[in-house]
Amino acid sequence: MVKNNSGAGFHDRNSKNSNGIKPLRIGHSLVRTHPESGRKALYVNPGFTIGIEGLAETEGAALLEELFGHNDDARFQYRHVWRQHDLVFWDNRCVMHQATGYDPSHTRHMLRTTVKGDRPF
């Protein structure tokens, strides 16, 4: 199980947000199984994952840094080059995503929808 800080507005793993609220600590699996394909995916995020239950803090931090590095490997990344009228979507159950910069002289119009998912297993 990994330990996560859940919620927005936290600047580091031990901080309070701007409202003085400490992050909610939750646990979940280190790896999750996609319910349709059966494929395994890492279920960690450097912005939220703060430790691994059952490991000493230094040992857990070292393992997490290795896993975060694996996630950052270019072999496992797709980088979209935007063109007019593009539509992009992904399955949040097995994909990490991060916005990249865009030309501020262009209008950025984005609509987001979320489909109710299942519990990770």
PDB file of N, CA and C in Angstrom:
ATOM      1  N   MET A   1       0.838  -1.183   0.000  1.00  0.00           N
ATOM      2  CA  MET A   1       0.000   0.000   0.000  1.00  0.00           C
ATOM      3  C   MET A   1       0.878   1.240   0.000  1.00  0.00           C
ATOM      4  N   VAL A   2       0.459   2.234  -0.766  1.00  0.00           N
ATOM      5  CA  VAL A   2       1.135   3.517  -0.726  1.00  0.00           C
ATOM      6  C   VAL A   2       0.298   4.463   0.114  1.00  0.00           C
ATOM      7  N   LYS A   3       0.948   5.473   0.644  1.00  0.00           N
ATOM      8  CA  LYS A   3       0.267   6.502   1.414  1.00  0.00           C
ATOM      9  C   LYS A   3       0.236   7.753   0.575  1.00  0.00           C
ATOM     10  N   ASN A   4      -0.935   8.356   0.456  1.00  0.00           N
ATOM     11  CA  ASN A   4      -1.107   9.546  -0.371  1.00  0.00           C
ATOM     12  C   ASN A   4      -1.621  10.707   0.440  1.00  0.00           C
ATOM     13  N   ASN A   5      -1.247  11.915   0.017  1.00  0.00           N
ATOM     14  CA  ASN A   5      -1.914  13.144   0.422  1.00  0.00           C
ATOM     15  C   ASN A   5      -2.967  13.389  -0.636  1.00  0.00           C
ATOM     16  N   SER A   6      -4.203  13.467  -0.249  1.00  0.00           N
ATOM     17  CA  SER A   6      -5.267  13.649  -1.219  1.00  0.00           C
ATOM     18  C   SER A   6      -5.846  15.045  -1.095  1.00  0.00           C
ATOM     19  N   GLY A   7      -5.959  15.737  -2.205  1.00  0.00           N
ATOM     20  CA  GLY A   7      -6.567  17.057  -2.219  1.00  0.00           C
ATOM     21  C   GLY A   7      -5.683  18.074  -2.898  1.00  0.00           C
ATOM     22  N   ALA A   8      -6.294  19.128  -3.360  1.00  0.00           N
ATOM     23  CA  ALA A   8      -5.572  20.162  -4.095  1.00  0.00           C
ATOM     24  C   ALA A   8      -5.073  21.248  -3.145  1.00  0.00           C
ATOM     25  N   GLY A   9      -4.107  21.993  -3.588  1.00  0.00           N
ATOM     26  CA  GLY A   9      -3.629  23.143  -2.852  1.00  0.00           C
ATOM     27  C   GLY A   9      -2.496  22.851  -1.892  1.00  0.00           C
ATOM     28  N   PHE A  10      -1.925  21.663  -1.931  1.00  0.00           N
ATOM     29  CA  PHE A  10      -0.823  21.326  -1.047  1.00  0.00           C
ATOM     30  C   PHE A  10       0.478  21.482  -1.814  1.00  0.00           C
ATOM     31  N   HIS A  11       1.418  22.201  -1.241  1.00  0.00           N
ATOM     32  CA  HIS A  11       2.665  22.501  -1.936  1.00  0.00           C
ATOM     33  C   HIS A  11       3.744  21.458  -1.700  1.00  0.00           C
ATOM     34  N   ASP A  12       3.683  20.749  -0.601  1.00  0.00           N
ATOM     35  CA  ASP A  12       4.628  19.668  -0.374  1.00  0.00           C
ATOM     36  C   ASP A  12       3.937  18.601   0.459  1.00  0.00           C
ATOM     37  N   ARG A  13       4.657  17.546   0.719  1.00  0.00           N
ATOM     38  CA  ARG A  13       4.041  16.367   1.321  1.00  0.00           C
ATOM     39  C   ARG A  13       3.600  16.550   2.765  1.00  0.00           C
ATOM     40  N   ASN A  14       4.072  17.577   3.444  1.00  0.00           N
ATOM     41  CA  ASN A  14       3.729  17.773   4.853  1.00  0.00           C
ATOM     42  C   ASN A  14       3.053  19.109   5.122  1.00  0.00           C
ATOM     43  N   SER A  15       2.683  19.837   4.085  1.00  0.00           N
ATOM     44  CA  SER A  15       2.168  21.187   4.272  1.00  0.00           C
ATOM     45  C   SER A  15       0.671  21.191   4.542  1.00  0.00           C
ATOM     46  N   LYS A  16       0.184  22.376   4.872  1.00  0.00           N
ATOM     47  CA  LYS A  16      -1.246  22.651   4.930  1.00  0.00           C
ATOM     48  C   LYS A  16      -1.570  23.479   3.694  1.00  0.00           C
ATOM     49  N   ASN A  17      -2.840  23.418   3.239  1.00  0.00           N
ATOM     50  CA  ASN A  17      -3.199  24.241   2.090  1.00  0.00           C
ATOM     51  C   ASN A  17      -3.475  25.668   2.551  1.00  0.00           C
ATOM     52  N   SER A  18      -3.915  26.538   1.655  1.00  0.00           N
ATOM     53  CA  SER A  18      -4.096  27.958   1.983  1.00  0.00           C
ATOM     54  C   SER A  18      -5.184  28.179   3.021  1.00  0.00           C
ATOM     55  N   ASN A  19      -6.057  27.211   3.235  1.00  0.00           N
ATOM     56  CA  ASN A  19      -7.098  27.311   4.251  1.00  0.00           C
ATOM     57  C   ASN A  19      -6.658  26.722   5.581  1.00  0.00           C
ATOM     58  N   GLY A  20      -5.378  26.322   5.695  1.00  0.00           N
ATOM     59  CA  GLY A  20      -4.869  25.756   6.937  1.00  0.00           C
ATOM     60  C   GLY A  20      -5.271  24.313   7.172  1.00  0.00           C
ATOM     61  N   ILE A  21      -5.733  23.642   6.120  1.00  0.00           N
ATOM     62  CA  ILE A  21      -6.197  22.260   6.243  1.00  0.00           C
ATOM     63  C   ILE A  21      -5.058  21.313   5.888  1.00  0.00           C
ATOM     64  N   LYS A  22      -4.825  20.334   6.750  1.00  0.00           N
ATOM     65  CA  LYS A  22      -3.820  19.315   6.449  1.00  0.00           C
ATOM     66  C   LYS A  22      -4.388  18.333   5.428  1.00  0.00           C
ATOM     67  N   PRO A  23      -3.520  17.729   4.619  1.00  0.00           N
ATOM     68  CA  PRO A  23      -4.001  16.779   3.616  1.00  0.00           C
ATOM     69  C   PRO A  23      -4.587  15.531   4.260  1.00  0.00           C
ATOM     70  N   LEU A  24      -5.550  14.935   3.582  1.00  0.00           N
ATOM     71  CA  LEU A  24      -6.141  13.677   3.998  1.00  0.00           C
ATOM     72  C   LEU A  24      -5.184  12.556   3.646  1.00  0.00           C
ATOM     73  N   ARG A  25      -4.862  11.707   4.589  1.00  0.00           N
ATOM     74  CA  ARG A  25      -3.957  10.586   4.338  1.00  0.00           C
ATOM     75  C   ARG A  25      -4.793   9.351   4.001  1.00  0.00           C
ATOM     76  N   ILE A  26      -4.534   8.777   2.830  1.00  0.00           N
ATOM     77  CA  ILE A  26      -5.252   7.574   2.405  1.00  0.00           C
ATOM     78  C   ILE A  26      -4.250   6.533   1.937  1.00  0.00           C
ATOM     79  N   GLY A  27      -4.673   5.290   1.841  1.00  0.00           N
ATOM     80  CA  GLY A  27      -3.815   4.232   1.341  1.00  0.00           C
ATOM     81  C   GLY A  27      -4.472   3.521   0.171  1.00  0.00           C
ATOM     82  N   HIS A  28      -3.656   3.060  -0.748  1.00  0.00           N
ATOM     83  CA  HIS A  28      -4.152   2.268  -1.871  1.00  0.00           C
ATOM     84  C   HIS A  28      -3.005   1.443  -2.427  1.00  0.00           C
ATOM     85  N   SER A  29      -3.304   0.567  -3.338  1.00  0.00           N
ATOM     86  CA  SER A  29      -2.303  -0.318  -3.925  1.00  0.00           C
ATOM     87  C   SER A  29      -1.250   0.458  -4.703  1.00  0.00           C
ATOM     88  N   LEU A  30      -0.053  -0.069  -4.725  1.00  0.00           N
ATOM     89  CA  LEU A  30       1.061   0.500  -5.474  1.00  0.00           C
ATOM     90  C   LEU A  30       0.875   0.259  -6.976  1.00  0.00           C
ATOM     91  N   VAL A  31       0.234  -0.821  -7.313  1.00  0.00           N
ATOM     92  CA  VAL A  31      -0.048  -1.211  -8.697  1.00  0.00           C
ATOM     93  C   VAL A  31      -1.545  -1.489  -8.787  1.00  0.00           C
ATOM     94  N   ARG A  32      -2.156  -1.032  -9.850  1.00  0.00           N
ATOM     95  CA  ARG A  32      -3.574  -1.346 -10.049  1.00  0.00           C
ATOM     96  C   ARG A  32      -3.747  -2.153 -11.326  1.00  0.00           C
ATOM     97  N   THR A  33      -4.801  -2.904 -11.387  1.00  0.00           N
ATOM     98  CA  THR A  33      -5.123  -3.749 -12.535  1.00  0.00           C
ATOM     99  C   THR A  33      -6.261  -3.112 -13.313  1.00  0.00           C
ATOM    100  N   HIS A  34      -6.069  -2.943 -14.617  1.00  0.00           N
ATOM    101  CA  HIS A  34      -7.129  -2.391 -15.453  1.00  0.00           C
ATOM    102  C   HIS A  34      -8.276  -3.398 -15.502  1.00  0.00           C
ATOM    103  N   PRO A  35      -9.502  -2.982 -15.188  1.00  0.00           N
ATOM    104  CA  PRO A  35     -10.612  -3.932 -15.084  1.00  0.00           C
ATOM    105  C   PRO A  35     -11.028  -4.585 -16.394  1.00  0.00           C
ATOM    106  N   GLU A  36     -10.668  -3.991 -17.523  1.00  0.00           N
ATOM    107  CA  GLU A  36     -11.055  -4.572 -18.804  1.00  0.00           C
ATOM    108  C   GLU A  36      -9.921  -5.338 -19.462  1.00  0.00           C
ATOM    109  N   SER A  37      -8.716  -4.773 -19.458  1.00  0.00           N
ATOM    110  CA  SER A  37      -7.594  -5.422 -20.141  1.00  0.00           C
ATOM    111  C   SER A  37      -6.830  -6.382 -19.237  1.00  0.00           C
ATOM    112  N   GLY A  38      -6.930  -6.181 -17.925  1.00  0.00           N
ATOM    113  CA  GLY A  38      -6.165  -6.998 -16.985  1.00  0.00           C
ATOM    114  C   GLY A  38      -4.712  -6.568 -16.863  1.00  0.00           C
ATOM    115  N   ARG A  39      -4.298  -5.535 -17.603  1.00  0.00           N
ATOM    116  CA  ARG A  39      -2.907  -5.057 -17.555  1.00  0.00           C
ATOM    117  C   ARG A  39      -2.660  -4.306 -16.256  1.00  0.00           C
ATOM    118  N   LYS A  40      -1.429  -4.376 -15.785  1.00  0.00           N
ATOM    119  CA  LYS A  40      -1.015  -3.718 -14.550  1.00  0.00           C
ATOM    120  C   LYS A  40      -0.469  -2.330 -14.869  1.00  0.00           C
ATOM    121  N   ALA A  41      -0.669  -1.400 -13.939  1.00  0.00           N
ATOM    122  CA  ALA A  41      -0.150  -0.043 -14.089  1.00  0.00           C
ATOM    123  C   ALA A  41       0.283   0.468 -12.720  1.00  0.00           C
ATOM    124  N   LEU A  42       1.387   1.216 -12.698  1.00  0.00           N
ATOM    125  CA  LEU A  42       1.805   1.860 -11.462  1.00  0.00           C
ATOM    126  C   LEU A  42       0.731   2.855 -11.047  1.00  0.00           C
ATOM    127  N   TYR A  43       0.495   2.927  -9.754  1.00  0.00           N
ATOM    128  CA  TYR A  43      -0.536   3.813  -9.226  1.00  0.00           C
ATOM    129  C   TYR A  43       0.101   4.731  -8.190  1.00  0.00           C
ATOM    130  N   VAL A  44       1.119   5.478  -8.636  1.00  0.00           N
ATOM    131  CA  VAL A  44       1.842   6.413  -7.784  1.00  0.00           C
ATOM    132  C   VAL A  44       1.999   7.736  -8.530  1.00  0.00           C
ATOM    133  N   ASN A  45       2.136   8.809  -7.770  1.00  0.00           N
ATOM    134  CA  ASN A  45       2.258  10.131  -8.352  1.00  0.00           C
ATOM    135  C   ASN A  45       3.139  10.971  -7.439  1.00  0.00           C
ATOM    136  N   PRO A  46       4.197  11.590  -7.978  1.00  0.00           N
ATOM    137  CA  PRO A  46       5.104  12.352  -7.114  1.00  0.00           C
ATOM    138  C   PRO A  46       4.447  13.536  -6.428  1.00  0.00           C
ATOM    139  N   GLY A  47       3.329  14.009  -6.936  1.00  0.00           N
ATOM    140  CA  GLY A  47       2.627  15.119  -6.302  1.00  0.00           C
ATOM    141  C   GLY A  47       1.779  14.714  -5.120  1.00  0.00           C
ATOM    142  N   PHE A  48       1.481  13.418  -5.001  1.00  0.00           N
ATOM    143  CA  PHE A  48       0.576  12.977  -3.958  1.00  0.00           C
ATOM    144  C   PHE A  48       1.120  11.828  -3.113  1.00  0.00           C
ATOM    145  N   THR A  49       1.891  10.926  -3.701  1.00  0.00           N
ATOM    146  CA  THR A  49       2.351   9.742  -2.975  1.00  0.00           C
ATOM    147  C   THR A  49       3.464  10.129  -2.012  1.00  0.00           C
ATOM    148  N   ILE A  50       3.300   9.786  -0.734  1.00  0.00           N
ATOM    149  CA  ILE A  50       4.244  10.241   0.288  1.00  0.00           C
ATOM    150  C   ILE A  50       4.991   9.120   0.986  1.00  0.00           C
ATOM    151  N   GLY A  51       4.658   7.881   0.716  1.00  0.00           N
ATOM    152  CA  GLY A  51       5.363   6.789   1.373  1.00  0.00           C
ATOM    153  C   GLY A  51       4.775   5.450   1.002  1.00  0.00           C
ATOM    154  N   ILE A  52       5.401   4.405   1.497  1.00  0.00           N
ATOM    155  CA  ILE A  52       4.929   3.043   1.263  1.00  0.00           C
ATOM    156  C   ILE A  52       4.769   2.374   2.622  1.00  0.00           C
ATOM    157  N   GLU A  53       3.562   1.942   2.914  1.00  0.00           N
ATOM    158  CA  GLU A  53       3.292   1.298   4.193  1.00  0.00           C
ATOM    159  C   GLU A  53       4.172   0.067   4.351  1.00  0.00           C
ATOM    160  N   GLY A  54       4.719  -0.090   5.553  1.00  0.00           N
ATOM    161  CA  GLY A  54       5.544  -1.247   5.847  1.00  0.00           C
ATOM    162  C   GLY A  54       7.018  -1.051   5.554  1.00  0.00           C
ATOM    163  N   LEU A  55       7.386   0.054   4.941  1.00  0.00           N
ATOM    164  CA  LEU A  55       8.799   0.352   4.673  1.00  0.00           C
ATOM    165  C   LEU A  55       9.218   1.558   5.504  1.00  0.00           C
ATOM    166  N   ALA A  56      10.464   1.552   5.933  1.00  0.00           N
ATOM    167  CA  ALA A  56      11.009   2.721   6.604  1.00  0.00           C
ATOM    168  C   ALA A  56      10.919   3.910   5.654  1.00  0.00           C
ATOM    169  N   GLU A  57      10.835   5.114   6.212  1.00  0.00           N
ATOM    170  CA  GLU A  57      10.661   6.305   5.382  1.00  0.00           C
ATOM    171  C   GLU A  57      11.739   6.438   4.310  1.00  0.00           C
ATOM    172  N   THR A  58      13.008   6.203   4.671  1.00  0.00           N
ATOM    173  CA  THR A  58      14.095   6.346   3.693  1.00  0.00           C
ATOM    174  C   THR A  58      14.019   5.257   2.627  1.00  0.00           C
ATOM    175  N   GLU A  59      13.693   4.045   3.029  1.00  0.00           N
ATOM    176  CA  GLU A  59      13.576   2.936   2.071  1.00  0.00           C
ATOM    177  C   GLU A  59      12.393   3.172   1.133  1.00  0.00           C
ATOM    178  N   GLY A  60      11.256   3.603   1.680  1.00  0.00           N
ATOM    179  CA  GLY A  60      10.087   3.898   0.852  1.00  0.00           C
ATOM    180  C   GLY A  60      10.350   5.042  -0.108  1.00  0.00           C
ATOM    181  N   ALA A  61      11.037   6.085   0.383  1.00  0.00           N
ATOM    182  CA  ALA A  61      11.354   7.236  -0.475  1.00  0.00           C
ATOM    183  C   ALA A  61      12.265   6.824  -1.628  1.00  0.00           C
ATOM    184  N   ALA A  62      13.237   5.958  -1.350  1.00  0.00           N
ATOM    185  CA  ALA A  62      14.146   5.498  -2.408  1.00  0.00           C
ATOM    186  C   ALA A  62      13.394   4.701  -3.468  1.00  0.00           C
ATOM    187  N   LEU A  63      12.503   3.815  -3.037  1.00  0.00           N
ATOM    188  CA  LEU A  63      11.717   3.030  -3.996  1.00  0.00           C
ATOM    189  C   LEU A  63      10.795   3.935  -4.801  1.00  0.00           C
ATOM    190  N   LEU A  64      10.163   4.891  -4.138  1.00  0.00           N
ATOM    191  CA  LEU A  64       9.275   5.800  -4.862  1.00  0.00           C
ATOM    192  C   LEU A  64      10.041   6.627  -5.893  1.00  0.00           C
ATOM    193  N   GLU A  65      11.234   7.098  -5.553  1.00  0.00           N
ATOM    194  CA  GLU A  65      12.028   7.862  -6.521  1.00  0.00           C
ATOM    195  C   GLU A  65      12.342   7.007  -7.746  1.00  0.00           C
ATOM    196  N   GLU A  66      12.619   5.729  -7.524  1.00  0.00           N
ATOM    197  CA  GLU A  66      12.878   4.820  -8.651  1.00  0.00           C
ATOM    198  C   GLU A  66      11.618   4.653  -9.509  1.00  0.00           C
ATOM    199  N   LEU A  67      10.472   4.508  -8.871  1.00  0.00           N
ATOM    200  CA  LEU A  67       9.223   4.347  -9.614  1.00  0.00           C
ATOM    201  C   LEU A  67       8.850   5.633 -10.350  1.00  0.00           C
ATOM    202  N   PHE A  68       9.048   6.791  -9.703  1.00  0.00           N
ATOM    203  CA  PHE A  68       8.769   8.058 -10.376  1.00  0.00           C
ATOM    204  C   PHE A  68       9.675   8.214 -11.591  1.00  0.00           C
ATOM    205  N   GLY A  69      10.930   7.812 -11.474  1.00  0.00           N
ATOM    206  CA  GLY A  69      11.857   7.851 -12.598  1.00  0.00           C
ATOM    207  C   GLY A  69      11.400   6.950 -13.732  1.00  0.00           C
ATOM    208  N   HIS A  70      10.876   5.785 -13.384  1.00  0.00           N
ATOM    209  CA  HIS A  70      10.337   4.862 -14.397  1.00  0.00           C
ATOM    210  C   HIS A  70       9.192   5.542 -15.144  1.00  0.00           C
ATOM    211  N   ASN A  71       8.311   6.203 -14.399  1.00  0.00           N
ATOM    212  CA  ASN A  71       7.191   6.914 -15.033  1.00  0.00           C
ATOM    213  C   ASN A  71       7.664   8.012 -15.967  1.00  0.00           C
ATOM    214  N   ASP A  72       8.797   8.626 -15.658  1.00  0.00           N
ATOM    215  CA  ASP A  72       9.315   9.727 -16.471  1.00  0.00           C
ATOM    216  C   ASP A  72      10.090   9.269 -17.702  1.00  0.00           C
ATOM    217  N   ASP A  73      10.286   7.974 -17.852  1.00  0.00           N
ATOM    218  CA  ASP A  73      11.036   7.427 -18.979  1.00  0.00           C
ATOM    219  C   ASP A  73      10.295   7.741 -20.288  1.00  0.00           C
ATOM    220  N   ALA A  74      10.988   8.365 -21.228  1.00  0.00           N
ATOM    221  CA  ALA A  74      10.385   8.773 -22.499  1.00  0.00           C
ATOM    222  C   ALA A  74       9.781   7.597 -23.276  1.00  0.00           C
ATOM    223  N   ARG A  75      10.248   6.376 -23.031  1.00  0.00           N
ATOM    224  CA  ARG A  75       9.685   5.217 -23.737  1.00  0.00           C
ATOM    225  C   ARG A  75       8.217   4.998 -23.385  1.00  0.00           C
ATOM    226  N   PHE A  76       7.779   5.542 -22.265  1.00  0.00           N
ATOM    227  CA  PHE A  76       6.413   5.326 -21.802  1.00  0.00           C
ATOM    228  C   PHE A  76       5.560   6.585 -21.918  1.00  0.00           C
ATOM    229  N   GLN A  77       6.007   7.532 -22.713  1.00  0.00           N
ATOM    230  CA  GLN A  77       5.306   8.803 -22.819  1.00  0.00           C
ATOM    231  C   GLN A  77       4.771   9.038 -24.217  1.00  0.00           C
ATOM    232  N   TYR A  78       3.668   9.718 -24.260  1.00  0.00           N
ATOM    233  CA  TYR A  78       3.122  10.238 -25.509  1.00  0.00           C
ATOM    234  C   TYR A  78       3.026  11.746 -25.332  1.00  0.00           C
ATOM    235  N   ARG A  79       3.571  12.484 -26.260  1.00  0.00           N
ATOM    236  CA  ARG A  79       3.492  13.946 -26.209  1.00  0.00           C
ATOM    237  C   ARG A  79       2.716  14.415 -27.432  1.00  0.00           C
ATOM    238  N   HIS A  80       1.601  15.040 -27.161  1.00  0.00           N
ATOM    239  CA  HIS A  80       0.739  15.489 -28.253  1.00  0.00           C
ATOM    240  C   HIS A  80       1.185  16.848 -28.776  1.00  0.00           C
ATOM    241  N   VAL A  81       1.264  16.977 -30.074  1.00  0.00           N
ATOM    242  CA  VAL A  81       1.529  18.250 -30.726  1.00  0.00           C
ATOM    243  C   VAL A  81       0.179  18.745 -31.237  1.00  0.00           C
ATOM    244  N   TRP A  82      -0.314  19.777 -30.600  1.00  0.00           N
ATOM    245  CA  TRP A  82      -1.668  20.245 -30.876  1.00  0.00           C
ATOM    246  C   TRP A  82      -1.793  20.914 -32.238  1.00  0.00           C
ATOM    247  N   ARG A  83      -2.911  20.613 -32.882  1.00  0.00           N
ATOM    248  CA  ARG A  83      -3.321  21.262 -34.123  1.00  0.00           C
ATOM    249  C   ARG A  83      -4.774  21.685 -33.949  1.00  0.00           C
ATOM    250  N   GLN A  84      -5.199  22.625 -34.757  1.00  0.00           N
ATOM    251  CA  GLN A  84      -6.573  23.112 -34.674  1.00  0.00           C
ATOM    252  C   GLN A  84      -7.564  21.954 -34.806  1.00  0.00           C
ATOM    253  N   HIS A  85      -8.582  21.953 -33.974  1.00  0.00           N
ATOM    254  CA  HIS A  85      -9.683  20.984 -33.954  1.00  0.00           C
ATOM    255  C   HIS A  85      -9.301  19.626 -33.377  1.00  0.00           C
ATOM    256  N   ASP A  86      -8.139  19.518 -32.756  1.00  0.00           N
ATOM    257  CA  ASP A  86      -7.763  18.240 -32.128  1.00  0.00           C
ATOM    258  C   ASP A  86      -8.686  17.920 -30.970  1.00  0.00           C
ATOM    259  N   LEU A  87      -8.897  16.649 -30.793  1.00  0.00           N
ATOM    260  CA  LEU A  87      -9.632  16.113 -29.651  1.00  0.00           C
ATOM    261  C   LEU A  87      -8.787  14.984 -29.086  1.00  0.00           C
ATOM    262  N   VAL A  88      -8.483  15.054 -27.807  1.00  0.00           N
ATOM    263  CA  VAL A  88      -7.646  14.043 -27.169  1.00  0.00           C
ATOM    264  C   VAL A  88      -8.377  13.523 -25.945  1.00  0.00           C
ATOM    265  N   PHE A  89      -8.347  12.222 -25.753  1.00  0.00           N
ATOM    266  CA  PHE A  89      -8.891  11.662 -24.522  1.00  0.00           C
ATOM    267  C   PHE A  89      -8.064  10.467 -24.124  1.00  0.00           C
ATOM    268  N   TRP A  90      -8.137  10.094 -22.852  1.00  0.00           N
ATOM    269  CA  TRP A  90      -7.336   9.000 -22.323  1.00  0.00           C
ATOM    270  C   TRP A  90      -8.098   8.314 -21.210  1.00  0.00           C
ATOM    271  N   ASP A  91      -7.632   7.175 -20.845  1.00  0.00           N
ATOM    272  CA  ASP A  91      -8.229   6.371 -19.788  1.00  0.00           C
ATOM    273  C   ASP A  91      -7.452   6.622 -18.497  1.00  0.00           C
ATOM    274  N   ASN A  92      -8.021   7.376 -17.583  1.00  0.00           N
ATOM    275  CA  ASN A  92      -7.341   7.725 -16.340  1.00  0.00           C
ATOM    276  C   ASN A  92      -7.016   6.524 -15.467  1.00  0.00           C
ATOM    277  N   ARG A  93      -7.565   5.372 -15.771  1.00  0.00           N
ATOM    278  CA  ARG A  93      -7.291   4.185 -14.962  1.00  0.00           C
ATOM    279  C   ARG A  93      -5.893   3.635 -15.219  1.00  0.00           C
ATOM    280  N   CYS A  94      -5.234   4.099 -16.288  1.00  0.00           N
ATOM    281  CA  CYS A  94      -3.918   3.540 -16.597  1.00  0.00           C
ATOM    282  C   CYS A  94      -2.951   4.557 -17.196  1.00  0.00           C
ATOM    283  N   VAL A  95      -3.303   5.835 -17.158  1.00  0.00           N
ATOM    284  CA  VAL A  95      -2.463   6.852 -17.773  1.00  0.00           C
ATOM    285  C   VAL A  95      -2.245   8.005 -16.796  1.00  0.00           C
ATOM    286  N   MET A  96      -0.996   8.411 -16.679  1.00  0.00           N
ATOM    287  CA  MET A  96      -0.700   9.654 -15.969  1.00  0.00           C
ATOM    288  C   MET A  96      -0.636  10.744 -17.019  1.00  0.00           C
ATOM    289  N   HIS A  97      -1.079  11.940 -16.674  1.00  0.00           N
ATOM    290  CA  HIS A  97      -1.050  13.019 -17.657  1.00  0.00           C
ATOM    291  C   HIS A  97      -0.600  14.311 -16.998  1.00  0.00           C
ATOM    292  N   GLN A  98      -0.024  15.169 -17.823  1.00  0.00           N
ATOM    293  CA  GLN A  98       0.465  16.457 -17.347  1.00  0.00           C
ATOM    294  C   GLN A  98       0.367  17.452 -18.485  1.00  0.00           C
ATOM    295  N   ALA A  99      -0.171  18.602 -18.198  1.00  0.00           N
ATOM    296  CA  ALA A  99      -0.286  19.643 -19.213  1.00  0.00           C
ATOM    297  C   ALA A  99       1.096  20.188 -19.559  1.00  0.00           C
ATOM    298  N   THR A 100       1.246  20.603 -20.779  1.00  0.00           N
ATOM    299  CA  THR A 100       2.482  21.250 -21.215  1.00  0.00           C
ATOM    300  C   THR A 100       2.137  22.666 -21.654  1.00  0.00           C
ATOM    301  N   GLY A 101       3.143  23.480 -21.836  1.00  0.00           N
ATOM    302  CA  GLY A 101       2.932  24.860 -22.236  1.00  0.00           C
ATOM    303  C   GLY A 101       2.279  24.968 -23.608  1.00  0.00           C
ATOM    304  N   TYR A 102       1.674  26.105 -23.844  1.00  0.00           N
ATOM    305  CA  TYR A 102       1.063  26.376 -25.144  1.00  0.00           C
ATOM    306  C   TYR A 102       1.271  27.849 -25.455  1.00  0.00           C
ATOM    307  N   ASP A 103       1.098  28.206 -26.694  1.00  0.00           N
ATOM    308  CA  ASP A 103       1.295  29.579 -27.142  1.00  0.00           C
ATOM    309  C   ASP A 103       0.165  30.456 -26.588  1.00  0.00           C
ATOM    310  N   PRO A 104       0.469  31.365 -25.686  1.00  0.00           N
ATOM    311  CA  PRO A 104      -0.588  32.175 -25.075  1.00  0.00           C
ATOM    312  C   PRO A 104      -1.263  33.142 -26.041  1.00  0.00           C
ATOM    313  N   SER A 105      -0.707  33.316 -27.238  1.00  0.00           N
ATOM    314  CA  SER A 105      -1.362  34.180 -28.224  1.00  0.00           C
ATOM    315  C   SER A 105      -2.543  33.465 -28.889  1.00  0.00           C
ATOM    316  N   HIS A 106      -2.659  32.140 -28.660  1.00  0.00           N
ATOM    317  CA  HIS A 106      -3.779  31.370 -29.193  1.00  0.00           C
ATOM    318  C   HIS A 106      -4.821  31.151 -28.094  1.00  0.00           C
ATOM    319  N   THR A 107      -6.059  31.003 -28.511  1.00  0.00           N
ATOM    320  CA  THR A 107      -7.126  30.707 -27.567  1.00  0.00           C
ATOM    321  C   THR A 107      -7.080  29.225 -27.220  1.00  0.00           C
ATOM    322  N   ARG A 108      -7.130  28.945 -25.950  1.00  0.00           N
ATOM    323  CA  ARG A 108      -7.167  27.555 -25.492  1.00  0.00           C
ATOM    324  C   ARG A 108      -8.569  27.288 -24.963  1.00  0.00           C
ATOM    325  N   HIS A 109      -9.291  26.413 -25.636  1.00  0.00           N
ATOM    326  CA  HIS A 109     -10.649  26.059 -25.232  1.00  0.00           C
ATOM    327  C   HIS A 109     -10.639  24.597 -24.832  1.00  0.00           C
ATOM    328  N   MET A 110     -11.034  24.332 -23.618  1.00  0.00           N
ATOM    329  CA  MET A 110     -10.962  22.957 -23.136  1.00  0.00           C
ATOM    330  C   MET A 110     -12.261  22.612 -22.428  1.00  0.00           C
ATOM    331  N   LEU A 111     -12.780  21.452 -22.727  1.00  0.00           N
ATOM    332  CA  LEU A 111     -13.924  20.891 -22.019  1.00  0.00           C
ATOM    333  C   LEU A 111     -13.463  19.590 -21.385  1.00  0.00           C
ATOM    334  N   ARG A 112     -13.860  19.368 -20.160  1.00  0.00           N
ATOM    335  CA  ARG A 112     -13.446  18.158 -19.470  1.00  0.00           C
ATOM    336  C   ARG A 112     -14.684  17.404 -19.013  1.00  0.00           C
ATOM    337  N   THR A 113     -14.620  16.118 -19.185  1.00  0.00           N
ATOM    338  CA  THR A 113     -15.683  15.268 -18.671  1.00  0.00           C
ATOM    339  C   THR A 113     -15.048  14.087 -17.958  1.00  0.00           C
ATOM    340  N   THR A 114     -15.727  13.569 -16.988  1.00  0.00           N
ATOM    341  CA  THR A 114     -15.241  12.415 -16.255  1.00  0.00           C
ATOM    342  C   THR A 114     -16.321  11.359 -16.237  1.00  0.00           C
ATOM    343  N   VAL A 115     -15.956  10.159 -16.615  1.00  0.00           N
ATOM    344  CA  VAL A 115     -16.886   9.043 -16.575  1.00  0.00           C
ATOM    345  C   VAL A 115     -16.690   8.339 -15.243  1.00  0.00           C
ATOM    346  N   LYS A 116     -17.783   8.035 -14.577  1.00  0.00           N
ATOM    347  CA  LYS A 116     -17.671   7.357 -13.287  1.00  0.00           C
ATOM    348  C   LYS A 116     -16.919   6.051 -13.483  1.00  0.00           C
ATOM    349  N   GLY A 117     -15.901   5.863 -12.685  1.00  0.00           N
ATOM    350  CA  GLY A 117     -15.057   4.678 -12.811  1.00  0.00           C
ATOM    351  C   GLY A 117     -15.344   3.647 -11.734  1.00  0.00           C
ATOM    352  N   ASP A 118     -14.461   2.712 -11.653  1.00  0.00           N
ATOM    353  CA  ASP A 118     -14.570   1.631 -10.683  1.00  0.00           C
ATOM    354  C   ASP A 118     -13.508   1.831  -9.606  1.00  0.00           C
ATOM    355  N   ARG A 119     -13.574   1.066  -8.543  1.00  0.00           N
ATOM    356  CA  ARG A 119     -12.563   1.121  -7.501  1.00  0.00           C
ATOM    357  C   ARG A 119     -11.310   0.408  -7.993  1.00  0.00           C
ATOM    358  N   PRO A 120     -10.139   1.028  -7.789  1.00  0.00           N
ATOM    359  CA  PRO A 120      -8.895   0.356  -8.179  1.00  0.00           C
ATOM    360  C   PRO A 120      -8.712  -0.964  -7.454  1.00  0.00           C
ATOM    361  N   PHE A 121      -8.177  -1.951  -8.172  1.00  0.00           N
ATOM    362  CA  PHE A 121      -7.839  -3.233  -7.536  1.00  0.00           C
ATOM    363  C   PHE A 121      -6.555  -3.750  -8.094  1.00  0.00           C
TER     364      PHE A 121
END
